[in-house]
Structure formats: C-alpha cells, structure tokens
C-alpha cells in the first residue's frame, strides 16, 4: 500500500512539474497571438455590453458578432472575435472594437480587417 501511495505521489509531482513548464517553450509569435486573442475577446465583450446599455436607455442599436482572420508569420490562419455596433461605430463598422484593440496595443497587422 505504501508503494502505491509513493508511486501516485511521484506521478502527481512529475505531472505538476511538466504542466508548470509547458508555457516556457511558447514562441514569441504564439505569445503575440494569445495577447491579441485575449484582447479581441475582451473588446468584443465591451462593445456588446456598451451596446446593451445604450439599448436599455432607449437608443436604437444592434450588435453583430463574427470573427476575423489573424495570419501569423508562418502563414497559419487563425480567428479572433470581432464585434460591430451600430450605435458605437458611428457609421464605420467595427470602429469601437478597433479603438478598443488599439488602446490595448493589440491592433496588429496580422489582423485582416
């Protein structure tokens, strides 16, 4: 029984150690994408919530959720969240989202707007 407990403990320690090192080998390109992806998700949520607030105040507004392409230096295409809002964009679809991304320094050339 003691051997079984020791074996399980050792396995847990090895698993935990491997998990903690998993982020160490992340490439700069992957880190950049993850930052952009997180900012895009946050900005899409901000645009949605602000649009809902304005709609609740009686303003005529709608919002549209979609994704846009992110093409990395390896030409691998991935997508990130993107949202438009008729009331926040002032006639330029996606302007509020783009402004938010710019404020977060995440409006990068890899995004194909």
N, C-alpha and C. Protein backbone atom coordinates (compact mmCIF):
# COMPACT_ATOMS: atom_id res chain seq x y z
N UNK A 1 0.83 -1.19 0.00
CA UNK A 1 0.00 0.00 0.00
C UNK A 1 0.88 1.26 0.00
N UNK A 2 1.94 1.23 0.77
CA UNK A 2 2.85 2.37 0.85
C UNK A 2 3.51 2.63 -0.50
N UNK A 3 3.85 1.55 -1.23
CA UNK A 3 4.45 1.70 -2.56
C UNK A 3 3.46 2.37 -3.52
N UNK A 4 2.20 1.98 -3.41
CA UNK A 4 1.16 2.54 -4.28
C UNK A 4 1.02 4.05 -4.03
N UNK A 5 1.01 4.44 -2.76
CA UNK A 5 0.90 5.86 -2.40
C UNK A 5 2.12 6.62 -2.90
N UNK A 6 3.30 6.03 -2.74
CA UNK A 6 4.53 6.67 -3.20
C UNK A 6 4.52 6.84 -4.71
N UNK A 7 4.06 5.82 -5.42
CA UNK A 7 4.00 5.87 -6.88
C UNK A 7 3.02 6.95 -7.36
N UNK A 8 1.87 7.03 -6.70
CA UNK A 8 0.88 8.05 -7.05
C UNK A 8 1.42 9.45 -6.76
N UNK A 9 2.09 9.62 -5.63
CA UNK A 9 2.67 10.92 -5.28
C UNK A 9 3.73 11.34 -6.29
N UNK A 10 4.57 10.39 -6.70
CA UNK A 10 5.61 10.68 -7.67
C UNK A 10 4.99 11.08 -9.01
N UNK A 11 3.96 10.36 -9.42
CA UNK A 11 3.28 10.67 -10.67
C UNK A 11 2.69 12.08 -10.63
N UNK A 12 2.08 12.44 -9.50
CA UNK A 12 1.50 13.78 -9.36
C UNK A 12 2.57 14.86 -9.43
N UNK A 13 3.70 14.62 -8.78
CA UNK A 13 4.79 15.60 -8.80
C UNK A 13 5.33 15.78 -10.22
N UNK A 14 5.52 14.68 -10.93
CA UNK A 14 6.01 14.77 -12.30
C UNK A 14 5.02 15.49 -13.19
N UNK A 15 3.74 15.17 -13.05
CA UNK A 15 2.69 15.81 -13.85
C UNK A 15 2.65 17.31 -13.58
N UNK A 16 2.69 17.69 -12.30
CA UNK A 16 2.66 19.11 -11.93
C UNK A 16 3.88 19.83 -12.47
N UNK A 17 5.04 19.22 -12.37
CA UNK A 17 6.27 19.83 -12.88
C UNK A 17 6.20 20.02 -14.38
N UNK A 18 5.70 19.04 -15.10
CA UNK A 18 5.59 19.16 -16.56
C UNK A 18 4.58 20.23 -16.95
N UNK A 19 3.50 20.32 -16.22
CA UNK A 19 2.48 21.32 -16.52
C UNK A 19 3.02 22.73 -16.30
N UNK A 20 3.82 22.93 -15.26
CA UNK A 20 4.33 24.27 -14.98
C UNK A 20 5.36 24.71 -16.02
N UNK A 21 6.00 23.77 -16.70
CA UNK A 21 6.99 24.12 -17.70
C UNK A 21 6.39 24.28 -19.08
N UNK A 22 5.12 23.95 -19.25
CA UNK A 22 4.52 23.95 -20.59
C UNK A 22 4.54 25.33 -21.25
N UNK A 23 4.48 26.43 -20.51
CA UNK A 23 4.47 27.76 -21.08
C UNK A 23 5.85 28.28 -21.41
N UNK A 24 6.90 27.60 -20.92
CA UNK A 24 8.26 28.09 -21.11
C UNK A 24 8.71 28.03 -22.56
N UNK A 25 8.23 27.04 -23.32
CA UNK A 25 8.66 26.89 -24.69
C UNK A 25 7.79 27.61 -25.70
N UNK A 26 6.89 28.46 -25.25
CA UNK A 26 5.98 29.16 -26.15
C UNK A 26 6.76 30.19 -26.96
N UNK A 27 6.56 30.15 -28.27
CA UNK A 27 7.27 31.06 -29.15
C UNK A 27 6.75 32.49 -29.00
N UNK A 28 7.57 33.47 -29.36
CA UNK A 28 7.11 34.87 -29.31
C UNK A 28 5.87 35.09 -30.19
N UNK A 29 5.80 34.40 -31.34
CA UNK A 29 4.66 34.55 -32.22
C UNK A 29 3.38 34.03 -31.56
N UNK A 30 3.50 32.91 -30.84
CA UNK A 30 2.33 32.35 -30.14
C UNK A 30 1.90 33.26 -29.00
N UNK A 31 2.86 33.81 -28.28
CA UNK A 31 2.53 34.75 -27.19
C UNK A 31 1.81 35.97 -27.74
N UNK A 32 2.27 36.47 -28.89
CA UNK A 32 1.63 37.63 -29.50
C UNK A 32 0.20 37.30 -29.89
N UNK A 33 0.00 36.12 -30.52
CA UNK A 33 -1.36 35.73 -30.89
C UNK A 33 -2.25 35.62 -29.67
N UNK A 34 -1.77 35.01 -28.61
CA UNK A 34 -2.57 34.85 -27.40
C UNK A 34 -2.96 36.19 -26.80
N UNK A 35 -2.05 37.15 -26.86
CA UNK A 35 -2.35 38.50 -26.35
C UNK A 35 -3.44 39.15 -27.21
N UNK A 36 -3.30 39.05 -28.53
CA UNK A 36 -4.28 39.62 -29.45
C UNK A 36 -5.63 38.92 -29.28
N UNK A 37 -5.60 37.61 -29.17
CA UNK A 37 -6.83 36.84 -29.00
C UNK A 37 -7.58 37.24 -27.72
N UNK A 38 -6.84 37.39 -26.62
CA UNK A 38 -7.46 37.79 -25.34
C UNK A 38 -8.02 39.21 -25.44
N UNK A 39 -7.28 40.11 -26.05
CA UNK A 39 -7.76 41.49 -26.21
C UNK A 39 -8.99 41.53 -27.10
N UNK A 40 -8.99 40.75 -28.18
CA UNK A 40 -10.13 40.72 -29.10
C UNK A 40 -11.39 40.24 -28.39
N UNK A 41 -11.24 39.22 -27.59
CA UNK A 41 -12.38 38.70 -26.83
C UNK A 41 -12.90 39.74 -25.85
N UNK A 42 -11.99 40.39 -25.15
CA UNK A 42 -12.37 41.42 -24.18
C UNK A 42 -13.04 42.61 -24.88
N UNK A 43 -12.48 43.04 -25.99
CA UNK A 43 -13.06 44.18 -26.72
C UNK A 43 -14.43 43.84 -27.28
N UNK A 44 -14.61 42.63 -27.78
CA UNK A 44 -15.92 42.21 -28.28
C UNK A 44 -16.95 42.24 -27.16
N UNK A 45 -16.55 41.82 -25.98
CA UNK A 45 -17.45 41.81 -24.83
C UNK A 45 -17.78 43.25 -24.40
N UNK A 46 -16.80 44.12 -24.42
CA UNK A 46 -17.00 45.53 -24.05
C UNK A 46 -17.99 46.18 -25.02
N UNK A 47 -17.79 45.98 -26.32
CA UNK A 47 -18.69 46.56 -27.33
C UNK A 47 -20.11 46.03 -27.12
N UNK A 48 -20.23 44.73 -26.88
CA UNK A 48 -21.56 44.14 -26.66
C UNK A 48 -22.23 44.77 -25.44
N UNK A 49 -21.51 44.85 -24.33
CA UNK A 49 -22.10 45.38 -23.10
C UNK A 49 -22.48 46.85 -23.22
N UNK A 50 -21.63 47.64 -23.87
CA UNK A 50 -21.95 49.05 -24.06
C UNK A 50 -23.17 49.22 -24.96
N UNK A 51 -23.30 48.38 -25.97
CA UNK A 51 -24.45 48.42 -26.86
C UNK A 51 -25.73 48.06 -26.11
N UNK A 52 -25.65 47.04 -25.28
CA UNK A 52 -26.81 46.64 -24.47
C UNK A 52 -27.23 47.77 -23.54
N UNK A 53 -26.27 48.44 -22.92
CA UNK A 53 -26.58 49.56 -22.02
C UNK A 53 -27.30 50.68 -22.78
N UNK A 54 -26.81 51.01 -23.96
CA UNK A 54 -27.44 52.07 -24.75
C UNK A 54 -28.83 51.67 -25.24
N UNK A 55 -28.99 50.40 -25.56
CA UNK A 55 -30.31 49.90 -25.96
C UNK A 55 -31.29 50.01 -24.80
N UNK A 56 -30.81 49.70 -23.60
CA UNK A 56 -31.65 49.80 -22.40
C UNK A 56 -32.06 51.24 -22.13
N UNK A 57 -31.23 52.18 -22.56
CA UNK A 57 -31.55 53.59 -22.39
C UNK A 57 -32.49 54.10 -23.48
N UNK A 58 -32.87 53.23 -24.40
CA UNK A 58 -33.82 53.61 -25.44
C UNK A 58 -33.21 53.93 -26.78
N UNK A 59 -31.90 53.81 -26.91
CA UNK A 59 -31.27 54.09 -28.20
C UNK A 59 -31.48 52.89 -29.14
N UNK A 60 -31.65 53.19 -30.41
CA UNK A 60 -31.83 52.15 -31.42
C UNK A 60 -30.44 51.62 -31.78
N UNK A 61 -30.18 50.39 -31.43
CA UNK A 61 -28.84 49.84 -31.64
C UNK A 61 -28.90 48.34 -31.89
N UNK A 62 -27.96 47.88 -32.64
CA UNK A 62 -27.79 46.44 -32.78
C UNK A 62 -26.30 46.14 -32.82
N UNK A 63 -25.98 44.90 -32.52
CA UNK A 63 -24.60 44.48 -32.49
C UNK A 63 -24.47 43.18 -33.25
N UNK A 64 -23.34 42.99 -33.88
CA UNK A 64 -23.10 41.78 -34.67
C UNK A 64 -21.77 41.19 -34.26
N UNK A 65 -21.79 39.88 -33.95
CA UNK A 65 -20.57 39.17 -33.56
C UNK A 65 -20.11 38.32 -34.73
N UNK A 66 -18.83 38.33 -34.98
CA UNK A 66 -18.24 37.48 -36.01
C UNK A 66 -16.78 37.23 -35.63
N UNK A 67 -16.02 36.71 -36.54
CA UNK A 67 -14.58 36.55 -36.33
C UNK A 67 -13.85 37.15 -37.51
N UNK A 68 -12.59 37.49 -37.27
CA UNK A 68 -11.73 37.94 -38.35
C UNK A 68 -10.46 37.09 -38.33
N UNK A 69 -9.77 37.08 -39.45
CA UNK A 69 -8.56 36.27 -39.57
C UNK A 69 -7.36 36.97 -38.95
N UNK A 70 -6.51 36.14 -38.37
CA UNK A 70 -5.20 36.53 -37.88
C UNK A 70 -4.22 35.63 -38.62
N UNK A 71 -3.38 36.22 -39.45
CA UNK A 71 -2.42 35.44 -40.23
C UNK A 71 -1.02 35.71 -39.68
N UNK A 72 -0.44 34.67 -39.09
CA UNK A 72 0.87 34.80 -38.48
C UNK A 72 1.99 34.76 -39.50
N UNK A 73 3.21 34.96 -39.03
CA UNK A 73 4.36 34.97 -39.94
C UNK A 73 4.58 33.63 -40.65
N UNK A 74 4.04 32.56 -40.07
CA UNK A 74 4.16 31.24 -40.70
C UNK A 74 3.02 30.99 -41.69
N UNK A 75 2.20 32.03 -41.93
CA UNK A 75 1.05 31.99 -42.84
C UNK A 75 -0.08 31.12 -42.32
N UNK A 76 -0.01 30.73 -41.07
CA UNK A 76 -1.09 29.98 -40.43
C UNK A 76 -2.22 30.95 -40.10
N UNK A 77 -3.42 30.62 -40.53
CA UNK A 77 -4.57 31.50 -40.30
C UNK A 77 -5.38 30.99 -39.12
N UNK A 78 -5.62 31.90 -38.18
CA UNK A 78 -6.49 31.62 -37.04
C UNK A 78 -7.50 32.74 -36.96
N UNK A 79 -8.48 32.60 -36.11
CA UNK A 79 -9.50 33.65 -36.00
C UNK A 79 -9.57 34.20 -34.59
N UNK A 80 -10.02 35.45 -34.51
CA UNK A 80 -10.27 36.10 -33.23
C UNK A 80 -11.65 36.75 -33.28
N UNK A 81 -12.22 37.01 -32.12
CA UNK A 81 -13.55 37.61 -32.04
C UNK A 81 -13.53 39.04 -32.54
N UNK A 82 -14.65 39.43 -33.13
CA UNK A 82 -14.81 40.78 -33.69
C UNK A 82 -16.28 41.15 -33.54
N UNK A 83 -16.57 42.39 -33.16
CA UNK A 83 -17.96 42.80 -32.97
C UNK A 83 -18.16 44.21 -33.50
N UNK A 84 -19.31 44.39 -34.14
CA UNK A 84 -19.71 45.72 -34.60
C UNK A 84 -20.92 46.17 -33.78
N UNK A 85 -21.11 47.48 -33.74
CA UNK A 85 -22.24 48.06 -33.02
C UNK A 85 -22.71 49.30 -33.78
N UNK A 86 -23.97 49.28 -34.20
CA UNK A 86 -24.47 50.40 -34.99
C UNK A 86 -24.39 51.73 -34.25
N UNK A 87 -24.58 51.70 -32.96
CA UNK A 87 -24.60 52.94 -32.19
C UNK A 87 -23.19 53.41 -31.77
N UNK A 88 -22.27 52.50 -31.59
CA UNK A 88 -20.92 52.87 -31.15
C UNK A 88 -19.96 53.15 -32.31
N UNK A 89 -20.21 52.54 -33.46
CA UNK A 89 -19.28 52.64 -34.57
C UNK A 89 -19.40 53.92 -35.39
N UNK A 90 -20.46 54.69 -35.18
CA UNK A 90 -20.64 55.97 -35.87
C UNK A 90 -20.48 55.85 -37.39
N UNK A 91 -21.15 54.84 -37.96
CA UNK A 91 -21.15 54.68 -39.41
C UNK A 91 -19.93 53.97 -39.98
N UNK A 92 -18.99 53.60 -39.14
CA UNK A 92 -17.79 52.90 -39.60
C UNK A 92 -17.74 51.54 -38.90
N UNK A 93 -18.31 50.49 -39.52
CA UNK A 93 -18.43 49.19 -38.85
C UNK A 93 -17.12 48.69 -38.23
N UNK A 94 -17.21 48.34 -36.95
CA UNK A 94 -16.06 47.81 -36.23
C UNK A 94 -15.18 48.86 -35.57
N UNK A 95 -15.52 50.14 -35.72
CA UNK A 95 -14.67 51.22 -35.21
C UNK A 95 -14.49 51.14 -33.69
N UNK A 96 -15.55 50.87 -32.95
CA UNK A 96 -15.43 50.79 -31.48
C UNK A 96 -14.51 49.65 -31.09
N UNK A 97 -14.65 48.49 -31.74
CA UNK A 97 -13.79 47.34 -31.46
C UNK A 97 -12.34 47.67 -31.79
N UNK A 98 -12.12 48.30 -32.95
CA UNK A 98 -10.77 48.65 -33.36
C UNK A 98 -10.12 49.65 -32.41
N UNK A 99 -10.91 50.60 -31.94
CA UNK A 99 -10.39 51.58 -30.97
C UNK A 99 -9.98 50.89 -29.68
N UNK A 100 -10.82 49.97 -29.22
CA UNK A 100 -10.51 49.20 -28.01
C UNK A 100 -9.22 48.41 -28.21
N UNK A 101 -9.09 47.75 -29.36
CA UNK A 101 -7.89 46.96 -29.64
C UNK A 101 -6.65 47.85 -29.71
N UNK A 102 -6.80 49.02 -30.28
CA UNK A 102 -5.69 49.97 -30.36
C UNK A 102 -5.28 50.42 -28.96
N UNK A 103 -6.26 50.69 -28.12
CA UNK A 103 -5.96 51.09 -26.74
C UNK A 103 -5.19 50.01 -25.99
N UNK A 104 -5.44 48.76 -26.34
CA UNK A 104 -4.76 47.64 -25.70
C UNK A 104 -3.46 47.26 -26.42
N UNK A 105 -3.10 48.06 -27.42
CA UNK A 105 -1.92 47.81 -28.24
C UNK A 105 -1.96 46.41 -28.86
N UNK A 106 -3.15 46.04 -29.32
CA UNK A 106 -3.35 44.71 -29.91
C UNK A 106 -3.90 44.80 -31.32
N UNK A 107 -3.96 45.99 -31.89
CA UNK A 107 -4.43 46.15 -33.28
C UNK A 107 -3.20 46.00 -34.16
N UNK A 108 -2.92 44.78 -34.56
CA UNK A 108 -1.67 44.44 -35.24
C UNK A 108 -1.90 44.15 -36.72
N UNK A 109 -0.86 44.24 -37.54
CA UNK A 109 -1.02 44.00 -38.97
C UNK A 109 -1.47 42.58 -39.31
N UNK A 110 -1.25 41.63 -38.42
CA UNK A 110 -1.66 40.25 -38.68
C UNK A 110 -3.18 40.11 -38.74
N UNK A 111 -3.91 41.07 -38.19
CA UNK A 111 -5.38 41.04 -38.25
C UNK A 111 -5.83 41.51 -39.63
N UNK A 112 -6.63 40.71 -40.27
CA UNK A 112 -7.10 41.03 -41.62
C UNK A 112 -8.50 41.62 -41.55
N UNK A 113 -8.54 42.95 -41.40
CA UNK A 113 -9.81 43.68 -41.26
C UNK A 113 -10.44 43.91 -42.61
